Amino acid sequence: MATDGNLRRLFRENLRDFDWLAVETGLTTRGVPDANYCCDGAEGWIEAKTTIGWRVAVRPAQVGWAERRLRCGGRVFVAVRRKRAELWLFSGWALRPLTSRRLDTVAPLGCWRGGPSRWDWEEVRQLLTVPAQKG
């Protein structure tokens, strides 16, 4: 499984009406999320993570980038694939708490179990396209 838990591929396959862009900026800008999307006039960013336990690795640059974008009204999300069968979706505001806390102690926007075929992709779609809010 890829270091992002194959989440970029799964999001692309299950949210086909989105325009997706894989983002790789490690050499130019630190902290930029893994994927950018646009759908129904909503544009946003997703940082994809994977873990078999309860913690995810979050770099300080990722927290800084997400918080700057969120303060400007942008959409930033963290998608975590846990144990291959679970999808946890968080607001980008959760990146800072996730640096030191377990997934199950930070309130997700949604959590789906049973593997990708059982995740509620319509609910994920709705969460990714709601109007951006300042935190």
N, C-alpha and C. Protein backbone atom coordinates (compact mmCIF):
# COMPACT_ATOMS: atom_id res chain seq x y z
N MET A 1 0.86 -1.18 0.00
CA MET A 1 0.00 0.00 0.00
C MET A 1 0.90 1.24 0.00
N ALA A 2 0.52 2.23 -0.75
CA ALA A 2 1.29 3.47 -0.85
C ALA A 2 1.32 4.18 0.50
N THR A 3 2.24 5.12 0.64
CA THR A 3 2.36 5.85 1.91
C THR A 3 1.13 6.68 2.23
N ASP A 4 0.30 6.96 1.23
CA ASP A 4 -0.94 7.70 1.48
C ASP A 4 -2.13 6.74 1.64
N GLY A 5 -1.85 5.45 1.77
CA GLY A 5 -2.92 4.47 1.91
C GLY A 5 -3.73 4.30 0.65
N ASN A 6 -3.17 4.71 -0.49
CA ASN A 6 -3.88 4.71 -1.77
C ASN A 6 -5.11 5.61 -1.75
N LEU A 7 -5.16 6.54 -0.82
CA LEU A 7 -6.33 7.40 -0.70
C LEU A 7 -6.51 8.30 -1.92
N ARG A 8 -5.43 8.82 -2.48
CA ARG A 8 -5.60 9.67 -3.67
C ARG A 8 -6.29 8.88 -4.78
N ARG A 9 -5.86 7.65 -4.99
CA ARG A 9 -6.48 6.80 -6.02
C ARG A 9 -7.94 6.52 -5.67
N LEU A 10 -8.21 6.17 -4.42
CA LEU A 10 -9.58 5.85 -4.00
C LEU A 10 -10.52 7.05 -4.13
N PHE A 11 -10.04 8.24 -3.75
CA PHE A 11 -10.87 9.44 -3.90
C PHE A 11 -11.17 9.68 -5.38
N ARG A 12 -10.16 9.55 -6.21
CA ARG A 12 -10.34 9.77 -7.66
C ARG A 12 -11.34 8.76 -8.25
N GLU A 13 -11.24 7.51 -7.86
CA GLU A 13 -12.13 6.46 -8.39
C GLU A 13 -13.56 6.60 -7.89
N ASN A 14 -13.74 7.08 -6.67
CA ASN A 14 -15.07 7.11 -6.08
C ASN A 14 -15.76 8.47 -6.15
N LEU A 15 -15.02 9.49 -6.49
CA LEU A 15 -15.59 10.83 -6.66
C LEU A 15 -15.23 11.29 -8.08
N ARG A 16 -15.82 10.64 -9.05
CA ARG A 16 -15.46 10.83 -10.45
C ARG A 16 -15.87 12.19 -11.03
N ASP A 17 -16.83 12.86 -10.41
CA ASP A 17 -17.22 14.17 -10.94
C ASP A 17 -16.34 15.29 -10.42
N PHE A 18 -15.34 14.96 -9.61
CA PHE A 18 -14.35 15.93 -9.14
C PHE A 18 -13.22 16.03 -10.16
N ASP A 19 -12.62 17.20 -10.27
CA ASP A 19 -11.40 17.36 -11.04
C ASP A 19 -10.26 17.27 -10.03
N TRP A 20 -9.40 16.26 -10.15
CA TRP A 20 -8.35 15.98 -9.18
C TRP A 20 -6.98 16.36 -9.71
N LEU A 21 -6.14 16.82 -8.82
CA LEU A 21 -4.75 17.11 -9.15
C LEU A 21 -3.88 16.56 -8.03
N ALA A 22 -3.00 15.60 -8.36
CA ALA A 22 -2.03 15.10 -7.38
C ALA A 22 -0.95 16.16 -7.25
N VAL A 23 -0.56 16.45 -6.02
CA VAL A 23 0.38 17.53 -5.77
C VAL A 23 1.65 16.97 -5.14
N GLU A 24 2.79 17.28 -5.75
CA GLU A 24 4.10 16.88 -5.23
C GLU A 24 4.99 18.12 -5.24
N THR A 25 5.13 18.78 -4.10
CA THR A 25 5.90 20.03 -4.06
C THR A 25 7.04 19.99 -3.06
N GLY A 26 7.44 18.80 -2.63
CA GLY A 26 8.45 18.67 -1.59
C GLY A 26 9.71 19.48 -1.81
N LEU A 27 10.11 19.68 -3.05
CA LEU A 27 11.35 20.40 -3.33
C LEU A 27 11.14 21.91 -3.46
N THR A 28 9.88 22.35 -3.57
CA THR A 28 9.65 23.78 -3.78
C THR A 28 8.91 24.45 -2.62
N THR A 29 7.89 23.82 -2.10
CA THR A 29 7.10 24.41 -1.02
C THR A 29 6.76 23.31 -0.03
N ARG A 30 7.05 23.53 1.23
CA ARG A 30 6.78 22.51 2.25
C ARG A 30 5.36 22.63 2.78
N GLY A 31 4.79 21.47 3.08
CA GLY A 31 3.51 21.43 3.76
C GLY A 31 2.28 21.39 2.90
N VAL A 32 2.42 21.54 1.57
CA VAL A 32 1.26 21.54 0.68
C VAL A 32 0.64 20.14 0.68
N PRO A 33 -0.69 20.03 0.83
CA PRO A 33 -1.35 18.72 0.85
C PRO A 33 -1.13 17.92 -0.44
N ASP A 34 -1.50 16.64 -0.35
CA ASP A 34 -1.26 15.67 -1.43
C ASP A 34 -2.14 15.85 -2.64
N ALA A 35 -3.34 16.39 -2.44
CA ALA A 35 -4.29 16.46 -3.56
C ALA A 35 -5.10 17.75 -3.51
N ASN A 36 -5.39 18.25 -4.69
CA ASN A 36 -6.26 19.41 -4.87
C ASN A 36 -7.46 18.93 -5.68
N TYR A 37 -8.63 19.47 -5.37
CA TYR A 37 -9.83 19.07 -6.10
C TYR A 37 -10.73 20.27 -6.35
N CYS A 38 -11.63 20.10 -7.32
CA CYS A 38 -12.66 21.09 -7.58
C CYS A 38 -13.92 20.33 -8.02
N CYS A 39 -15.06 20.72 -7.45
CA CYS A 39 -16.33 20.12 -7.80
C CYS A 39 -17.46 21.07 -7.43
N ASP A 40 -18.36 21.30 -8.34
CA ASP A 40 -19.52 22.17 -8.08
C ASP A 40 -19.11 23.54 -7.54
N GLY A 41 -18.00 24.07 -8.04
CA GLY A 41 -17.53 25.38 -7.60
C GLY A 41 -16.78 25.37 -6.29
N ALA A 42 -16.61 24.22 -5.69
CA ALA A 42 -15.87 24.10 -4.43
C ALA A 42 -14.49 23.55 -4.73
N GLU A 43 -13.48 24.31 -4.32
CA GLU A 43 -12.10 23.85 -4.49
C GLU A 43 -11.51 23.62 -3.12
N GLY A 44 -10.70 22.56 -3.00
CA GLY A 44 -10.10 22.27 -1.70
C GLY A 44 -8.87 21.41 -1.83
N TRP A 45 -8.33 21.09 -0.66
CA TRP A 45 -7.08 20.36 -0.54
C TRP A 45 -7.27 19.21 0.44
N ILE A 46 -6.62 18.09 0.17
CA ILE A 46 -6.69 16.93 1.07
C ILE A 46 -5.28 16.44 1.35
N GLU A 47 -4.96 16.35 2.63
CA GLU A 47 -3.72 15.71 3.07
C GLU A 47 -4.08 14.27 3.40
N ALA A 48 -3.48 13.31 2.70
CA ALA A 48 -3.79 11.90 2.89
C ALA A 48 -2.74 11.24 3.79
N LYS A 49 -3.23 10.50 4.77
CA LYS A 49 -2.37 9.81 5.72
C LYS A 49 -2.81 8.36 5.84
N THR A 50 -1.90 7.52 6.31
CA THR A 50 -2.25 6.14 6.59
C THR A 50 -1.60 5.72 7.91
N THR A 51 -2.27 4.82 8.61
CA THR A 51 -1.73 4.32 9.87
C THR A 51 -2.38 2.98 10.19
N ILE A 52 -1.66 2.16 10.94
CA ILE A 52 -2.28 0.94 11.44
C ILE A 52 -2.66 1.12 12.91
N GLY A 53 -2.12 2.16 13.53
CA GLY A 53 -2.41 2.44 14.93
C GLY A 53 -3.38 3.60 15.08
N TRP A 54 -3.15 4.40 16.10
CA TRP A 54 -4.03 5.53 16.40
C TRP A 54 -3.37 6.89 16.16
N ARG A 55 -2.12 6.90 15.71
CA ARG A 55 -1.43 8.17 15.48
C ARG A 55 -0.99 8.28 14.03
N VAL A 56 -0.95 9.53 13.55
CA VAL A 56 -0.45 9.78 12.21
C VAL A 56 0.72 10.75 12.30
N ALA A 57 1.62 10.65 11.35
CA ALA A 57 2.77 11.55 11.31
C ALA A 57 2.36 12.85 10.63
N VAL A 58 2.50 13.96 11.35
CA VAL A 58 2.17 15.28 10.82
C VAL A 58 3.38 16.17 11.01
N ARG A 59 3.82 16.80 9.93
CA ARG A 59 4.97 17.70 10.00
C ARG A 59 4.51 19.12 10.32
N PRO A 60 5.33 19.89 11.03
CA PRO A 60 4.97 21.28 11.35
C PRO A 60 4.63 22.10 10.12
N ALA A 61 5.32 21.87 9.01
CA ALA A 61 5.03 22.64 7.79
C ALA A 61 3.63 22.36 7.28
N GLN A 62 3.14 21.14 7.49
CA GLN A 62 1.78 20.81 7.06
C GLN A 62 0.75 21.57 7.90
N VAL A 63 1.00 21.66 9.19
CA VAL A 63 0.10 22.42 10.08
C VAL A 63 0.08 23.88 9.66
N GLY A 64 1.26 24.46 9.45
CA GLY A 64 1.35 25.87 9.08
C GLY A 64 0.66 26.18 7.77
N TRP A 65 0.90 25.35 6.76
CA TRP A 65 0.27 25.58 5.45
C TRP A 65 -1.24 25.51 5.58
N ALA A 66 -1.75 24.47 6.23
CA ALA A 66 -3.20 24.28 6.35
C ALA A 66 -3.84 25.43 7.12
N GLU A 67 -3.25 25.85 8.20
CA GLU A 67 -3.85 26.93 9.00
C GLU A 67 -3.85 28.25 8.26
N ARG A 68 -2.80 28.54 7.50
CA ARG A 68 -2.80 29.77 6.68
C ARG A 68 -3.92 29.74 5.66
N ARG A 69 -4.07 28.61 4.98
CA ARG A 69 -5.11 28.50 3.95
C ARG A 69 -6.51 28.57 4.57
N LEU A 70 -6.70 27.91 5.69
CA LEU A 70 -8.00 27.94 6.37
C LEU A 70 -8.36 29.34 6.85
N ARG A 71 -7.39 30.08 7.36
CA ARG A 71 -7.66 31.46 7.82
C ARG A 71 -8.10 32.35 6.66
N CYS A 72 -7.71 31.99 5.45
CA CYS A 72 -8.11 32.77 4.26
C CYS A 72 -9.42 32.25 3.66
N GLY A 73 -10.07 31.32 4.33
CA GLY A 73 -11.35 30.81 3.86
C GLY A 73 -11.28 29.60 2.96
N GLY A 74 -10.10 29.01 2.82
CA GLY A 74 -9.96 27.83 1.97
C GLY A 74 -10.46 26.57 2.64
N ARG A 75 -10.57 25.52 1.83
CA ARG A 75 -10.98 24.21 2.32
C ARG A 75 -9.74 23.32 2.40
N VAL A 76 -9.49 22.78 3.58
CA VAL A 76 -8.39 21.85 3.78
C VAL A 76 -8.92 20.70 4.64
N PHE A 77 -8.61 19.49 4.22
CA PHE A 77 -9.06 18.30 4.95
C PHE A 77 -7.90 17.34 5.15
N VAL A 78 -8.04 16.49 6.15
CA VAL A 78 -7.09 15.41 6.40
C VAL A 78 -7.88 14.11 6.29
N ALA A 79 -7.45 13.25 5.39
CA ALA A 79 -8.07 11.93 5.24
C ALA A 79 -7.08 10.90 5.75
N VAL A 80 -7.53 10.08 6.68
CA VAL A 80 -6.65 9.06 7.27
C VAL A 80 -7.26 7.69 7.02
N ARG A 81 -6.45 6.85 6.41
CA ARG A 81 -6.86 5.45 6.23
C ARG A 81 -6.21 4.66 7.35
N ARG A 82 -7.04 4.08 8.20
CA ARG A 82 -6.54 3.32 9.35
C ARG A 82 -6.85 1.85 9.14
N LYS A 83 -5.83 1.02 9.29
CA LYS A 83 -5.96 -0.43 9.17
C LYS A 83 -6.64 -0.85 7.86
N ARG A 84 -6.42 -0.11 6.81
CA ARG A 84 -6.94 -0.39 5.48
C ARG A 84 -8.46 -0.34 5.38
N ALA A 85 -9.19 -0.56 6.49
CA ALA A 85 -10.64 -0.68 6.43
C ALA A 85 -11.38 0.58 6.87
N GLU A 86 -10.69 1.53 7.50
CA GLU A 86 -11.34 2.71 8.04
C GLU A 86 -10.89 3.97 7.32
N LEU A 87 -11.84 4.87 7.10
CA LEU A 87 -11.54 6.21 6.59
C LEU A 87 -12.01 7.22 7.62
N TRP A 88 -11.09 8.03 8.06
CA TRP A 88 -11.38 9.13 8.99
C TRP A 88 -11.17 10.42 8.22
N LEU A 89 -12.14 11.32 8.24
CA LEU A 89 -12.01 12.60 7.56
C LEU A 89 -12.11 13.71 8.59
N PHE A 90 -11.09 14.58 8.59
CA PHE A 90 -11.00 15.68 9.53
C PHE A 90 -10.91 17.01 8.79
N SER A 91 -11.33 18.06 9.44
CA SER A 91 -11.04 19.41 8.97
C SER A 91 -9.53 19.60 9.05
N GLY A 92 -9.00 20.47 8.22
CA GLY A 92 -7.58 20.81 8.30
C GLY A 92 -7.19 21.38 9.65
N TRP A 93 -8.16 21.96 10.37
CA TRP A 93 -7.88 22.48 11.71
C TRP A 93 -7.45 21.37 12.66
N ALA A 94 -7.69 20.12 12.33
CA ALA A 94 -7.32 18.99 13.18
C ALA A 94 -5.84 18.63 13.06
N LEU A 95 -5.15 19.17 12.06
CA LEU A 95 -3.74 18.81 11.91
C LEU A 95 -2.92 19.10 13.16
N ARG A 96 -3.12 20.27 13.75
CA ARG A 96 -2.33 20.60 14.95
C ARG A 96 -2.61 19.60 16.09
N PRO A 97 -3.87 19.34 16.45
CA PRO A 97 -4.09 18.34 17.51
C PRO A 97 -3.58 16.95 17.15
N LEU A 98 -3.63 16.59 15.87
CA LEU A 98 -3.17 15.26 15.46
C LEU A 98 -1.66 15.09 15.60
N THR A 99 -0.92 16.18 15.75
CA THR A 99 0.53 16.05 15.95
C THR A 99 0.85 15.39 17.28
N SER A 100 -0.06 15.50 18.25
CA SER A 100 0.24 14.97 19.58
C SER A 100 -0.86 14.11 20.18
N ARG A 101 -1.95 13.93 19.45
CA ARG A 101 -3.07 13.17 20.01
C ARG A 101 -3.47 12.01 19.11
N ARG A 102 -4.16 11.07 19.68
CA ARG A 102 -4.68 9.92 18.95
C ARG A 102 -5.86 10.33 18.08
N LEU A 103 -6.05 9.60 16.98
CA LEU A 103 -7.19 9.87 16.09
C LEU A 103 -8.50 9.89 16.85
N ASP A 104 -8.67 8.94 17.74
CA ASP A 104 -9.96 8.79 18.43
C ASP A 104 -10.19 9.82 19.53
N THR A 105 -9.25 10.77 19.68
CA THR A 105 -9.46 11.86 20.65
C THR A 105 -9.66 13.20 19.95
N VAL A 106 -9.65 13.19 18.63
CA VAL A 106 -9.88 14.39 17.82
C VAL A 106 -11.18 14.16 17.04
N ALA A 107 -12.11 15.11 17.12
CA ALA A 107 -13.42 14.92 16.49
C ALA A 107 -13.31 14.92 14.96
N PRO A 108 -13.67 13.81 14.32
CA PRO A 108 -13.66 13.77 12.86
C PRO A 108 -14.94 14.38 12.29
N LEU A 109 -14.88 14.75 11.04
CA LEU A 109 -16.10 15.14 10.31
C LEU A 109 -16.91 13.89 9.99
N GLY A 110 -16.19 12.79 9.80
CA GLY A 110 -16.84 11.52 9.51
C GLY A 110 -15.85 10.39 9.66
N CYS A 111 -16.39 9.20 9.93
CA CYS A 111 -15.57 8.00 10.04
C CYS A 111 -16.37 6.85 9.47
N TRP A 112 -15.77 6.13 8.53
CA TRP A 112 -16.44 5.03 7.86
C TRP A 112 -15.59 3.78 7.99
N ARG A 113 -16.26 2.65 8.17
CA ARG A 113 -15.57 1.38 8.36
C ARG A 113 -16.03 0.37 7.33
N GLY A 114 -15.28 -0.72 7.22
CA GLY A 114 -15.68 -1.80 6.34
C GLY A 114 -14.96 -1.82 5.00
N GLY A 115 -14.00 -0.94 4.82
CA GLY A 115 -13.26 -0.90 3.56
C GLY A 115 -13.87 0.06 2.56
N PRO A 116 -13.11 0.44 1.55
CA PRO A 116 -13.53 1.46 0.58
C PRO A 116 -14.88 1.21 -0.08
N SER A 117 -15.24 -0.02 -0.32
CA SER A 117 -16.53 -0.28 -0.97
C SER A 117 -17.72 0.01 -0.03
N ARG A 118 -17.47 0.10 1.26
CA ARG A 118 -18.55 0.37 2.22
C ARG A 118 -18.51 1.79 2.77
N TRP A 119 -17.48 2.56 2.42
CA TRP A 119 -17.42 3.94 2.88
C TRP A 119 -18.52 4.73 2.17
N ASP A 120 -19.12 5.67 2.85
CA ASP A 120 -20.21 6.47 2.28
C ASP A 120 -19.62 7.62 1.46
N TRP A 121 -19.35 7.33 0.19
CA TRP A 121 -18.68 8.30 -0.68
C TRP A 121 -19.55 9.52 -0.94
N GLU A 122 -20.87 9.36 -0.92
CA GLU A 122 -21.75 10.52 -1.10
C GLU A 122 -21.63 11.47 0.09
N GLU A 123 -21.52 10.92 1.28
CA GLU A 123 -21.32 11.77 2.45
C GLU A 123 -19.95 12.46 2.40
N VAL A 124 -18.93 11.74 1.97
CA VAL A 124 -17.60 12.34 1.80
C VAL A 124 -17.69 13.49 0.80
N ARG A 125 -18.38 13.26 -0.32
CA ARG A 125 -18.55 14.30 -1.35
C ARG A 125 -19.19 15.54 -0.75
N GLN A 126 -20.25 15.36 0.02
CA GLN A 126 -20.94 16.50 0.63
C GLN A 126 -20.04 17.26 1.59
N LEU A 127 -19.27 16.54 2.38
CA LEU A 127 -18.36 17.19 3.33
C LEU A 127 -17.28 18.00 2.62
N LEU A 128 -16.79 17.50 1.50
CA LEU A 128 -15.73 18.19 0.77
C LEU A 128 -16.23 19.42 0.01
N THR A 129 -17.52 19.52 -0.22
CA THR A 129 -18.04 20.62 -1.04
C THR A 129 -18.91 21.62 -0.28
N VAL A 130 -19.05 21.46 1.04
CA VAL A 130 -19.80 22.46 1.80
C VAL A 130 -19.04 23.77 1.78
N PRO A 131 -19.73 24.91 1.94
CA PRO A 131 -19.03 26.19 1.95
C PRO A 131 -17.93 26.22 3.01
N ALA A 132 -16.81 26.81 2.65
CA ALA A 132 -15.68 26.93 3.58
C ALA A 132 -16.06 27.80 4.75
N GLN A 133 -15.54 27.43 5.93
CA GLN A 133 -15.80 28.21 7.14
C GLN A 133 -14.50 28.48 7.85
N LYS A 134 -14.39 29.64 8.43
CA LYS A 134 -13.21 29.94 9.23
C LYS A 134 -13.35 29.27 10.58
N GLY A 135 -12.22 28.75 11.09
CA GLY A 135 -12.26 28.00 12.34
C GLY A 135 -12.03 28.86 13.50
